[in-house]
Amino acid sequence: MRTRESLTRLALTATATGLLAFGAPAVALATATTGPATVSPATGDPATPTTRTAVVGIPDKSPISPSQWSEVGKLAQRQHALDTLYDQNTKRPVIVVPADAPKTVSTLSTTDDSGVRPEIKVSRFTTKDIDRISGRLTSRTWDKNAVRYGFAVLYDGASDKVALLSDAPKDVTDSASRTAPGAIEVRQGSVQAAYTRFTDSPAFYSGLSIVNTSGSQCTGGPAVWSYPDRNEHQTGEMLTAAHCSKTGSIMHNYEWSRNYVGTVTHRDTEADVETLSYNRSLGSSACPFHNRCYSYNMYTGASSTSQTQSSVVGWEMPVAGDNGVHVSGQTSFQWGGNVVVQTTGVHICYAGTDVCLQHGGFLMRHYNMGWDNKTVQQGDSGGPIYVDTVYRDRSQPVTSPVNAMGIISGFMTTCDHCNGQITSYSIGVDIDTARRYGDTDTVMTIRNRNTP
């Protein structure tokens, strides 16, 4: 155990555990919306459907229990479903599958003993349709001012359209709509990168505050092992968000006058992930181990002076319906009660950056005796997303071993058809995408800390 003198760590305690199920952003509409219908596979950009439906986003209350929703979510993920919804008439979950899904998908049922058999709705889109439309939008070539604004591209199963959430003016969003007439629905919203702990030293813990040469602050993510020289020697590295800095940027801890943390050696703008490597000529010539200047531990305290920490023992992928998910950032600190609400079709572009998240994005909402709009904040970007392996649903400060689930990317808000109902989401990148696109081998844990 290393000594921590005058060490400041930030965290924030949430007050309740997230227990409800999941839904897609801006899907629980106040009015009935056009929904998916059974159609043949699409061959081009589909036209607007005419079938009306009572299918909406997952409500706060339904006859289906959280554990049943979790089973439905796992089933949907196995089938590469586009969305999971709720039918107000039949009181059953609805899994929306792509137009080219196998016909046998109509016989699907959950694997638990609850007897829940979801309805199967077939979208007018194939998966390639959605990828093509999303690709056009995230290219940001459809309007000369597109890069000036943030926006999110999400498939909405209730309307069976590709939703574009943005605060851009109408002339810009109209240009976006023309890329796929009849297939895109523009909605008012705001998307921001989470720009902006404090005294740390090797081996650095995830959750620490990092700052680049221009003064932009972010948060260090999970430590990983990689093969930088492509031979048998593994080296410890640290993940963070790609919109925090550029390749070659030097990172220090909280302030430029404090410890050197690492240099950005790999960056991927389509997964919003970059990798920090430790250059001993810029920092300490000796780390706790010859090839590990980053730690499998992370800051999980509940206040700025807390020294609470947890060890990473493994990693797992986010699944829609997962609750009690925690984050740890240099601005909003450690807090839990997050529910994963969407893991597919999430495409995010941040204004004024070259980052368009197209791989591994997922959305979370905060639940505290009901949904609220608490999200990560500027400066939290790159920080770890994780779950307590002992007290799975607990939202209080974590001291138990944890599984890494991803890294923080940003947050967004949307106005549901501008009726005054604001909904906010935290944006994450799943751990497998972050690991792979960060050009690393595996997540560092207490088990592989010395001999990966």
Protein backbone atom coordinates (compact mmCIF):
# COMPACT_ATOMS: atom_id res chain seq x y z
CA MET A 1 0.00 0.00 0.00
CA ARG A 2 1.53 3.28 -1.03
CA THR A 3 1.43 6.36 1.19
CA ARG A 4 -0.88 9.17 0.13
CA GLU A 5 0.05 12.48 1.74
CA SER A 6 -2.07 15.59 1.17
CA LEU A 7 -3.97 13.66 -1.46
CA THR A 8 -7.27 15.09 -2.62
CA ARG A 9 -9.85 12.84 -4.20
CA LEU A 10 -13.26 13.87 -5.46
CA ALA A 11 -16.44 11.89 -5.17
CA LEU A 12 -20.13 12.47 -4.77
CA THR A 13 -22.67 10.29 -3.02
CA ALA A 14 -25.91 9.52 -4.80
CA THR A 15 -28.90 8.95 -2.55
CA ALA A 16 -30.74 6.05 -4.10
CA THR A 17 -30.28 2.96 -6.19
CA GLY A 18 -31.39 2.80 -9.82
CA LEU A 19 -34.01 0.08 -10.11
CA LEU A 20 -36.05 0.68 -13.23
CA ALA A 21 -35.64 -0.65 -16.69
CA PHE A 22 -34.45 0.99 -19.80
CA GLY A 23 -35.69 2.86 -22.85
CA ALA A 24 -34.36 4.82 -25.77
CA PRO A 25 -33.72 8.56 -25.54
CA ALA A 26 -36.67 10.81 -26.27
CA VAL A 27 -38.87 7.81 -27.04
CA ALA A 28 -41.47 8.04 -24.26
CA LEU A 29 -43.49 10.60 -26.21
CA ALA A 30 -46.52 12.46 -24.82
CA THR A 31 -48.50 11.76 -27.97
CA ALA A 32 -48.87 8.61 -30.02
CA THR A 33 -46.09 8.20 -32.54
CA THR A 34 -45.64 6.39 -35.80
CA GLY A 35 -44.14 3.00 -35.08
CA PRO A 36 -42.50 0.04 -36.74
CA ALA A 37 -44.46 -2.23 -39.01
CA THR A 38 -43.77 -5.64 -40.50
CA VAL A 39 -42.16 -4.97 -43.88
CA SER A 40 -39.82 -6.60 -46.36
CA PRO A 41 -36.13 -5.73 -46.16
CA ALA A 42 -35.47 -2.15 -47.21
CA THR A 43 -33.45 -1.52 -50.33
CA GLY A 44 -32.98 2.23 -50.03
CA ASP A 45 -33.79 5.00 -47.57
CA PRO A 46 -37.25 3.93 -46.38
CA ALA A 47 -40.26 6.19 -46.76
CA THR A 48 -42.25 7.37 -43.77
CA PRO A 49 -44.57 4.61 -42.38
CA THR A 50 -48.25 5.20 -41.74
CA THR A 51 -49.12 2.61 -39.08
CA ARG A 52 -50.10 4.09 -35.72
CA THR A 53 -49.04 2.31 -32.53
CA ALA A 54 -49.26 2.53 -28.75
CA VAL A 55 -45.65 1.45 -28.46
CA VAL A 56 -43.64 3.88 -26.35
CA GLY A 57 -40.46 4.00 -24.33
CA ILE A 58 -40.21 2.05 -21.09
CA PRO A 59 -42.46 3.77 -18.52
CA ASP A 60 -41.49 4.44 -14.89
CA LYS A 61 -44.03 1.82 -13.81
CA SER A 62 -45.17 -1.31 -15.59
CA PRO A 63 -46.29 -4.86 -14.66
CA ILE A 64 -42.84 -6.08 -15.75
CA SER A 65 -40.23 -6.29 -12.98
CA PRO A 66 -36.69 -4.92 -13.29
CA SER A 67 -35.27 -8.45 -13.42
CA GLN A 68 -37.66 -9.31 -16.25
CA TRP A 69 -36.63 -6.19 -18.14
CA SER A 70 -33.02 -7.23 -17.69
CA GLU A 71 -33.80 -10.60 -19.28
CA VAL A 72 -35.58 -8.86 -22.14
CA GLY A 73 -32.54 -6.62 -22.59
CA LYS A 74 -30.19 -9.59 -22.79
CA LEU A 75 -32.47 -11.28 -25.30
CA ALA A 76 -32.59 -8.13 -27.41
CA GLN A 77 -28.81 -7.83 -27.34
CA ARG A 78 -28.34 -11.44 -28.45
CA GLN A 79 -30.61 -10.77 -31.43
CA HIS A 80 -28.87 -7.49 -32.35
CA ALA A 81 -32.19 -5.71 -31.83
CA LEU A 82 -32.48 -2.03 -32.69
CA ASP A 83 -34.54 -1.02 -29.66
CA THR A 84 -36.61 -2.30 -26.73
CA LEU A 85 -39.94 -0.64 -25.93
CA TYR A 86 -43.26 -1.17 -24.16
CA ASP A 87 -46.75 -1.72 -25.57
CA GLN A 88 -49.30 0.18 -23.48
CA ASN A 89 -52.18 -1.91 -24.80
CA THR A 90 -50.84 -5.42 -24.30
CA LYS A 91 -48.63 -4.47 -21.29
CA ARG A 92 -45.77 -6.42 -22.87
CA PRO A 93 -42.21 -5.51 -23.80
CA VAL A 94 -41.49 -4.94 -27.46
CA ILE A 95 -38.25 -5.84 -29.20
CA VAL A 96 -37.66 -3.97 -32.45
CA VAL A 97 -35.55 -5.96 -34.91
CA PRO A 98 -34.11 -4.85 -38.27
CA ALA A 99 -36.00 -5.48 -41.49
CA ASP A 100 -33.57 -8.19 -42.52
CA ALA A 101 -33.85 -10.17 -39.26
CA PRO A 102 -34.43 -13.93 -39.61
CA LYS A 103 -38.11 -14.93 -39.67
CA THR A 104 -37.51 -17.21 -36.67
CA VAL A 105 -37.09 -14.11 -34.51
CA SER A 106 -40.88 -14.02 -34.00
CA THR A 107 -40.67 -17.07 -31.72
CA LEU A 108 -38.20 -15.56 -29.26
CA SER A 109 -38.81 -15.70 -25.51
CA THR A 110 -36.76 -14.78 -22.47
CA THR A 111 -34.60 -17.37 -20.76
CA ASP A 112 -35.93 -16.79 -17.24
CA ASP A 113 -38.89 -18.54 -15.56
CA SER A 114 -41.16 -15.48 -15.64
CA GLY A 115 -42.88 -16.45 -18.85
CA VAL A 116 -42.35 -13.02 -20.38
CA ARG A 117 -42.59 -13.27 -24.14
CA PRO A 118 -41.88 -9.95 -25.84
CA GLU A 119 -43.71 -8.78 -28.92
CA ILE A 120 -41.53 -8.62 -32.01
CA LYS A 121 -41.80 -5.57 -34.23
CA VAL A 122 -39.89 -5.34 -37.49
CA SER A 123 -38.41 -1.98 -38.42
CA ARG A 124 -38.60 -0.62 -41.94
CA PHE A 125 -34.80 -0.24 -41.69
CA THR A 126 -32.14 -2.85 -42.11
CA THR A 127 -29.04 -2.49 -39.94
CA LYS A 128 -27.17 -1.32 -43.03
CA ASP A 129 -29.85 1.33 -43.64
CA ILE A 130 -29.28 2.80 -40.19
CA ASP A 131 -25.51 2.59 -40.50
CA ARG A 132 -25.69 4.34 -43.87
CA ILE A 133 -27.91 7.17 -42.62
CA SER A 134 -25.87 7.55 -39.42
CA GLY A 135 -22.68 7.58 -41.47
CA ARG A 136 -23.97 10.39 -43.63
CA LEU A 137 -24.93 12.46 -40.59
CA THR A 138 -21.69 11.86 -38.66
CA SER A 139 -19.59 12.74 -41.70
CA ARG A 140 -20.63 16.36 -41.05
CA THR A 141 -20.14 17.18 -44.72
CA TRP A 142 -23.79 18.00 -45.41
CA ASP A 143 -23.51 21.59 -44.18
CA LYS A 144 -20.51 23.89 -43.92
CA ASN A 145 -21.54 24.87 -40.35
CA ALA A 146 -22.23 21.34 -39.08
CA VAL A 147 -18.94 21.09 -37.14
CA ARG A 148 -19.91 24.15 -35.08
CA TYR A 149 -22.70 22.25 -33.32
CA GLY A 150 -22.96 19.09 -31.25
CA PHE A 151 -25.51 16.48 -32.16
CA ALA A 152 -26.49 12.89 -31.40
CA VAL A 153 -27.77 10.33 -33.92
CA LEU A 154 -29.96 7.62 -32.42
CA TYR A 155 -32.42 5.08 -33.76
CA ASP A 156 -35.87 5.63 -32.17
CA GLY A 157 -37.94 2.45 -32.20
CA ALA A 158 -41.20 4.17 -31.24
CA SER A 159 -41.23 6.40 -34.30
CA ASP A 160 -39.12 4.02 -36.40
CA LYS A 161 -36.93 6.91 -37.48
CA VAL A 162 -33.37 8.02 -37.02
CA ALA A 163 -33.50 10.85 -34.49
CA LEU A 164 -31.09 13.77 -34.79
CA LEU A 165 -30.76 15.66 -31.48
CA SER A 166 -29.12 19.07 -31.79
CA ASP A 167 -29.28 22.74 -30.81
CA ALA A 168 -28.21 23.77 -34.31
CA PRO A 169 -30.39 26.31 -36.17
CA LYS A 170 -33.08 25.11 -38.54
CA ASP A 171 -31.14 25.78 -41.73
CA VAL A 172 -28.40 23.43 -40.52
CA THR A 173 -30.77 20.67 -39.35
CA ASP A 174 -32.76 20.98 -42.58
CA SER A 175 -29.55 20.15 -44.44
CA ALA A 176 -29.20 17.07 -42.26
CA SER A 177 -32.79 15.96 -42.94
CA ARG A 178 -32.19 16.13 -46.68
CA THR A 179 -29.50 13.44 -46.43
CA ALA A 180 -32.29 10.84 -45.99
CA PRO A 181 -35.73 12.38 -46.65
CA GLY A 182 -38.52 10.89 -44.53
CA ALA A 183 -36.14 8.79 -42.44
CA ILE A 184 -34.78 11.46 -40.06
CA GLU A 185 -36.63 13.24 -37.27
CA VAL A 186 -34.97 16.38 -35.91
CA ARG A 187 -35.41 17.01 -32.18
CA GLN A 188 -34.23 19.86 -30.03
CA GLY A 189 -31.37 18.84 -27.73
CA SER A 190 -27.90 19.68 -26.55
CA VAL A 191 -24.76 17.50 -26.70
CA GLN A 192 -21.53 18.47 -24.94
CA ALA A 193 -18.16 16.84 -24.40
CA ALA A 194 -17.38 16.49 -20.70
CA TYR A 195 -14.28 18.77 -20.66
CA THR A 196 -12.93 20.32 -17.52
CA ARG A 197 -8.45 13.98 -8.33
CA PHE A 198 -5.71 16.13 -7.76
CA THR A 199 -2.42 15.03 -6.27
CA ASP A 200 -1.29 11.62 -7.42
CA SER A 201 1.92 9.80 -8.22
CA PRO A 202 2.89 6.57 -9.98
CA ALA A 203 1.31 4.16 -10.12
CA PHE A 204 -1.57 6.48 -11.07
CA TYR A 205 -5.13 5.54 -10.13
CA SER A 206 -8.00 5.81 -12.58
CA GLY A 207 -10.35 8.65 -11.71
CA LEU A 208 -7.50 11.13 -11.24
CA SER A 209 -7.67 14.65 -12.69
CA ILE A 210 -5.50 15.22 -15.76
CA VAL A 211 -4.72 18.40 -17.67
CA ASN A 212 -3.14 18.95 -21.09
CA THR A 213 -0.84 21.69 -22.35
CA SER A 214 -3.75 24.01 -23.20
CA GLY A 215 -5.26 23.69 -19.72
CA SER A 216 -8.20 21.45 -20.64
CA GLN A 217 -9.06 19.08 -17.81
CA CYS A 218 -10.29 15.52 -18.11
CA THR A 219 -10.20 12.33 -16.04
CA GLY A 220 -7.94 9.28 -16.29
CA GLY A 221 -9.74 6.04 -17.08
CA PRO A 222 -9.01 2.37 -16.40
CA ALA A 223 -5.43 1.10 -16.65
CA VAL A 224 -4.69 -1.41 -19.40
CA TRP A 225 -1.90 -3.67 -20.60
CA SER A 226 -0.55 -3.35 -24.13
CA TYR A 227 2.29 -4.53 -26.35
CA PRO A 228 3.75 -1.22 -27.59
CA ASP A 229 6.79 -2.86 -29.19
CA ARG A 230 4.76 -5.81 -30.50
CA ASN A 231 6.80 -8.38 -28.60
CA GLU A 232 6.44 -10.28 -25.37
CA HIS A 233 6.95 -7.24 -23.11
CA GLN A 234 3.71 -5.76 -21.86
CA THR A 235 3.49 -2.18 -20.63
CA GLY A 236 0.88 -0.54 -18.44
CA GLU A 237 -1.06 2.32 -20.02
CA MET A 238 -4.14 4.40 -19.17
CA LEU A 239 -7.27 5.16 -21.19
CA THR A 240 -9.05 8.50 -21.43
CA ALA A 241 -11.31 10.30 -23.94
CA ALA A 242 -10.00 11.29 -27.38
CA HIS A 243 -11.63 14.73 -27.30
CA CYS A 244 -9.40 15.62 -24.31
CA SER A 245 -6.24 16.16 -26.40
CA LYS A 246 -4.26 15.23 -29.50
CA THR A 247 -1.66 12.56 -30.22
CA GLY A 248 1.62 13.61 -28.64
CA SER A 249 -0.06 15.76 -25.98
CA ILE A 250 1.51 15.66 -22.53
CA MET A 251 -0.75 15.19 -19.51
CA HIS A 252 -0.11 16.31 -15.94
CA ASN A 253 -2.11 15.75 -12.75
CA TYR A 254 -4.68 18.54 -12.21
CA GLU A 255 -2.24 21.43 -12.68
CA TRP A 256 0.69 21.77 -15.09
CA SER A 257 3.09 22.23 -12.15
CA ARG A 258 2.18 18.83 -10.74
CA ASN A 259 3.25 15.30 -11.64
CA TYR A 260 3.60 14.23 -15.26
CA VAL A 261 0.99 11.52 -15.91
CA GLY A 262 1.66 10.45 -19.46
CA THR A 263 1.82 11.21 -23.17
CA VAL A 264 -0.94 10.45 -25.69
CA THR A 265 0.49 7.73 -27.93
CA HIS A 266 -2.68 6.46 -29.62
CA ARG A 267 -5.98 8.18 -30.41
CA ASP A 268 -9.20 7.07 -32.10
CA THR A 269 -11.82 9.73 -32.88
CA GLU A 270 -14.51 7.21 -33.89
CA ALA A 271 -14.45 5.56 -30.43
CA ASP A 272 -13.58 8.72 -28.44
CA VAL A 273 -10.66 6.96 -26.75
CA GLU A 274 -6.95 7.69 -26.42
CA THR A 275 -4.10 5.96 -24.61
CA LEU A 276 -1.57 7.50 -22.24
CA SER A 277 1.91 5.98 -22.02
CA TYR A 278 4.54 6.91 -19.42
CA ASN A 279 7.80 8.46 -20.67
CA ARG A 280 10.40 8.17 -17.90
CA SER A 281 12.47 10.97 -19.39
CA LEU A 282 9.57 13.32 -18.59
CA GLY A 283 8.56 11.81 -15.26
CA SER A 284 9.91 9.53 -12.59
CA SER A 285 12.61 7.16 -13.78
CA ALA A 286 11.29 4.48 -11.43
CA CYS A 287 7.73 3.24 -11.14
CA PRO A 288 6.51 0.66 -8.60
CA PHE A 289 7.26 -1.95 -11.26
CA HIS A 290 9.45 -1.60 -14.33
CA ASN A 291 6.51 -1.72 -16.73
CA ARG A 292 3.58 -0.44 -14.68
CA CYS A 293 3.21 3.28 -13.97
CA TYR A 294 -0.59 2.98 -13.81
CA SER A 295 -2.63 1.13 -11.21
CA TYR A 296 -5.53 -1.31 -11.21
CA ASN A 297 -7.01 0.82 -8.39
CA MET A 298 -9.47 3.66 -8.88
CA TYR A 299 -10.70 6.58 -6.78
CA THR A 300 -14.21 5.88 -5.46
CA GLY A 301 -14.52 8.31 -2.52
CA ALA A 302 -17.51 10.41 -1.56
CA SER A 303 -15.87 13.80 -1.02
CA SER A 304 -12.92 15.87 -2.16
CA THR A 305 -10.84 14.75 0.82
CA SER A 306 -11.82 11.09 0.82
CA GLN A 307 -9.10 8.48 0.30
CA THR A 308 -11.57 5.72 -0.56
CA GLN A 309 -10.41 3.45 -3.34
CA SER A 310 -11.40 0.18 -4.99
CA SER A 311 -9.57 -2.46 -6.98
CA VAL A 312 -10.58 -3.52 -10.47
CA VAL A 313 -11.05 -7.29 -10.55
CA GLY A 314 -12.50 -7.65 -14.04
CA TRP A 315 -14.57 -6.01 -16.72
CA GLU A 316 -18.00 -6.45 -18.24
CA MET A 317 -20.02 -5.00 -21.08
CA PRO A 318 -22.99 -2.69 -20.43
CA VAL A 319 -26.39 -4.24 -21.12
CA ALA A 320 -29.57 -2.21 -21.42
CA GLY A 321 -31.35 -2.50 -18.08
CA ASP A 322 -28.17 -2.69 -15.97
CA ASN A 323 -28.72 -0.56 -12.89
CA GLY A 324 -26.57 0.69 -10.04
CA VAL A 325 -23.85 1.73 -12.49
CA HIS A 326 -21.20 4.11 -11.08
CA VAL A 327 -19.00 6.82 -12.55
CA SER A 328 -15.92 8.55 -11.14
CA GLY A 329 -14.85 11.92 -12.54
CA GLN A 330 -12.73 14.87 -11.51
CA THR A 331 -15.75 17.23 -11.57
CA SER A 332 -18.86 15.34 -10.48
CA PHE A 333 -16.82 12.84 -8.45
CA GLN A 334 -18.00 9.31 -7.61
CA TRP A 335 -21.74 8.62 -7.78
CA GLY A 336 -24.05 5.78 -8.71
CA GLY A 337 -27.67 5.02 -9.44
CA ASN A 338 -27.20 5.09 -13.22
CA VAL A 339 -29.26 2.82 -15.47
CA VAL A 340 -28.02 1.77 -18.90
CA VAL A 341 -30.83 2.65 -21.31
CA GLN A 342 -29.34 2.15 -24.78
CA THR A 343 -26.32 0.26 -26.10
CA THR A 344 -26.93 0.15 -29.86
CA GLY A 345 -27.10 2.78 -32.57
CA VAL A 346 -25.56 5.57 -30.49
CA HIS A 347 -23.61 8.04 -32.63
CA ILE A 348 -22.31 11.26 -31.06
CA CYS A 349 -20.46 14.21 -32.61
CA TYR A 350 -19.03 16.92 -30.35
CA ALA A 351 -19.04 20.52 -31.54
CA GLY A 352 -15.67 22.04 -32.41
CA THR A 353 -13.83 18.71 -32.28
CA ASP A 354 -12.84 15.99 -34.73
CA VAL A 355 -14.54 13.37 -32.54
CA CYS A 356 -17.63 11.55 -33.82
CA LEU A 357 -18.35 8.56 -31.59
CA GLN A 358 -19.45 5.74 -33.87
CA HIS A 359 -18.33 2.61 -32.01
CA GLY A 360 -19.24 1.38 -28.53
CA GLY A 361 -21.37 4.31 -27.41
CA PHE A 362 -24.04 3.77 -24.78
CA LEU A 363 -26.44 5.97 -22.80
CA MET A 364 -27.29 6.07 -19.08
CA ARG A 365 -30.00 7.82 -17.08
CA HIS A 366 -29.97 8.49 -13.33
CA TYR A 367 -32.71 6.98 -11.15
CA ASN A 368 -33.44 8.29 -7.65
CA MET A 369 -36.95 7.23 -6.63
CA GLY A 370 -37.79 8.16 -10.22
CA TRP A 371 -35.89 9.37 -13.25
CA ASP A 372 -34.02 12.66 -12.89
CA ASN A 373 -31.58 14.63 -15.03
CA LYS A 374 -28.33 14.16 -13.11
CA THR A 375 -25.43 13.51 -15.49
CA VAL A 376 -21.65 13.58 -15.64
CA GLN A 377 -20.12 17.04 -16.07
CA GLN A 378 -17.38 18.82 -17.99
CA GLY A 379 -14.02 17.48 -16.85
CA ASP A 380 -15.34 13.96 -16.18
CA SER A 381 -14.47 12.83 -19.72
CA GLY A 382 -12.33 9.70 -19.83
CA GLY A 383 -13.15 8.67 -16.26
CA PRO A 384 -14.16 5.11 -15.39
CA ILE A 385 -17.67 3.66 -15.54
CA TYR A 386 -18.01 0.57 -13.34
CA VAL A 387 -20.16 -1.67 -11.14
CA ASP A 388 -19.70 -2.86 -7.56
CA THR A 389 -19.22 -6.64 -7.67
CA VAL A 390 -20.52 -7.17 -4.11
CA TYR A 391 -23.32 -4.64 -3.66
CA ARG A 392 -24.45 -4.63 -7.24
CA ASP A 393 -27.23 -2.05 -6.98
CA ARG A 394 -25.67 0.21 -4.36
CA SER A 395 -25.35 3.89 -5.24
CA GLN A 396 -23.25 4.87 -2.20
CA PRO A 397 -19.43 5.15 -2.28
CA VAL A 398 -17.80 1.94 -3.44
CA THR A 399 -15.09 0.11 -1.49
CA SER A 400 -15.80 -3.39 -2.80
CA PRO A 401 -13.98 -4.80 -5.83
CA VAL A 402 -15.36 -3.44 -9.10
CA ASN A 403 -15.71 -4.44 -12.72
CA ALA A 404 -14.81 -1.80 -15.30
CA MET A 405 -17.67 -1.19 -17.74
CA GLY A 406 -16.38 1.71 -19.85
CA ILE A 407 -15.18 5.30 -19.91
CA ILE A 408 -17.10 8.57 -19.70
CA SER A 409 -17.52 10.41 -22.98
CA GLY A 410 -19.99 13.24 -22.37
CA PHE A 411 -23.61 14.11 -21.69
CA MET A 412 -26.63 15.31 -23.61
CA THR A 413 -30.09 16.76 -23.06
CA THR A 414 -33.14 16.62 -25.26
CA CYS A 415 -36.52 18.35 -25.27
CA ASP A 416 -39.23 15.79 -25.96
CA HIS A 417 -41.01 17.36 -28.94
CA CYS A 418 -40.34 20.70 -27.21
CA ASN A 419 -43.20 20.20 -24.73
CA GLY A 420 -40.98 21.35 -21.87
CA GLN A 421 -40.02 17.84 -20.77
CA ILE A 422 -36.21 17.85 -20.56
CA THR A 423 -34.39 14.52 -20.47
CA SER A 424 -30.66 14.18 -19.80
CA TYR A 425 -28.27 11.31 -20.46
CA SER A 426 -24.67 10.47 -19.62
CA ILE A 427 -22.72 9.10 -22.59
CA GLY A 428 -20.22 6.25 -22.22
CA VAL A 429 -17.94 4.13 -24.39
CA ASP A 430 -18.07 0.41 -23.53
CA ILE A 431 -14.88 -1.10 -22.10
CA ASP A 432 -14.26 -3.55 -24.94
CA THR A 433 -14.43 -0.81 -27.55
CA ALA A 434 -12.22 1.46 -25.44
CA ARG A 435 -9.69 -1.35 -24.97
CA ARG A 436 -9.59 -2.37 -28.64
CA TYR A 437 -9.73 1.06 -30.25
CA GLY A 438 -7.23 2.27 -27.67
CA ASP A 439 -4.85 -0.26 -29.24
CA THR A 440 -4.38 -2.18 -25.99
CA ASP A 441 -4.50 -5.84 -25.04
CA THR A 442 -6.51 -6.22 -21.81
CA VAL A 443 -7.83 -4.34 -18.81
CA MET A 444 -5.44 -4.26 -15.85
CA THR A 445 -6.85 -5.96 -12.74
CA ILE A 446 -5.58 -6.98 -9.32
CA ARG A 447 -5.23 -10.51 -10.69
CA ASN A 448 -2.97 -9.63 -13.63
CA ARG A 449 -1.20 -6.63 -12.10
CA ASN A 450 2.24 -8.26 -12.22
CA THR A 451 2.01 -11.06 -14.76
CA PRO A 452 -0.56 -10.23 -17.44
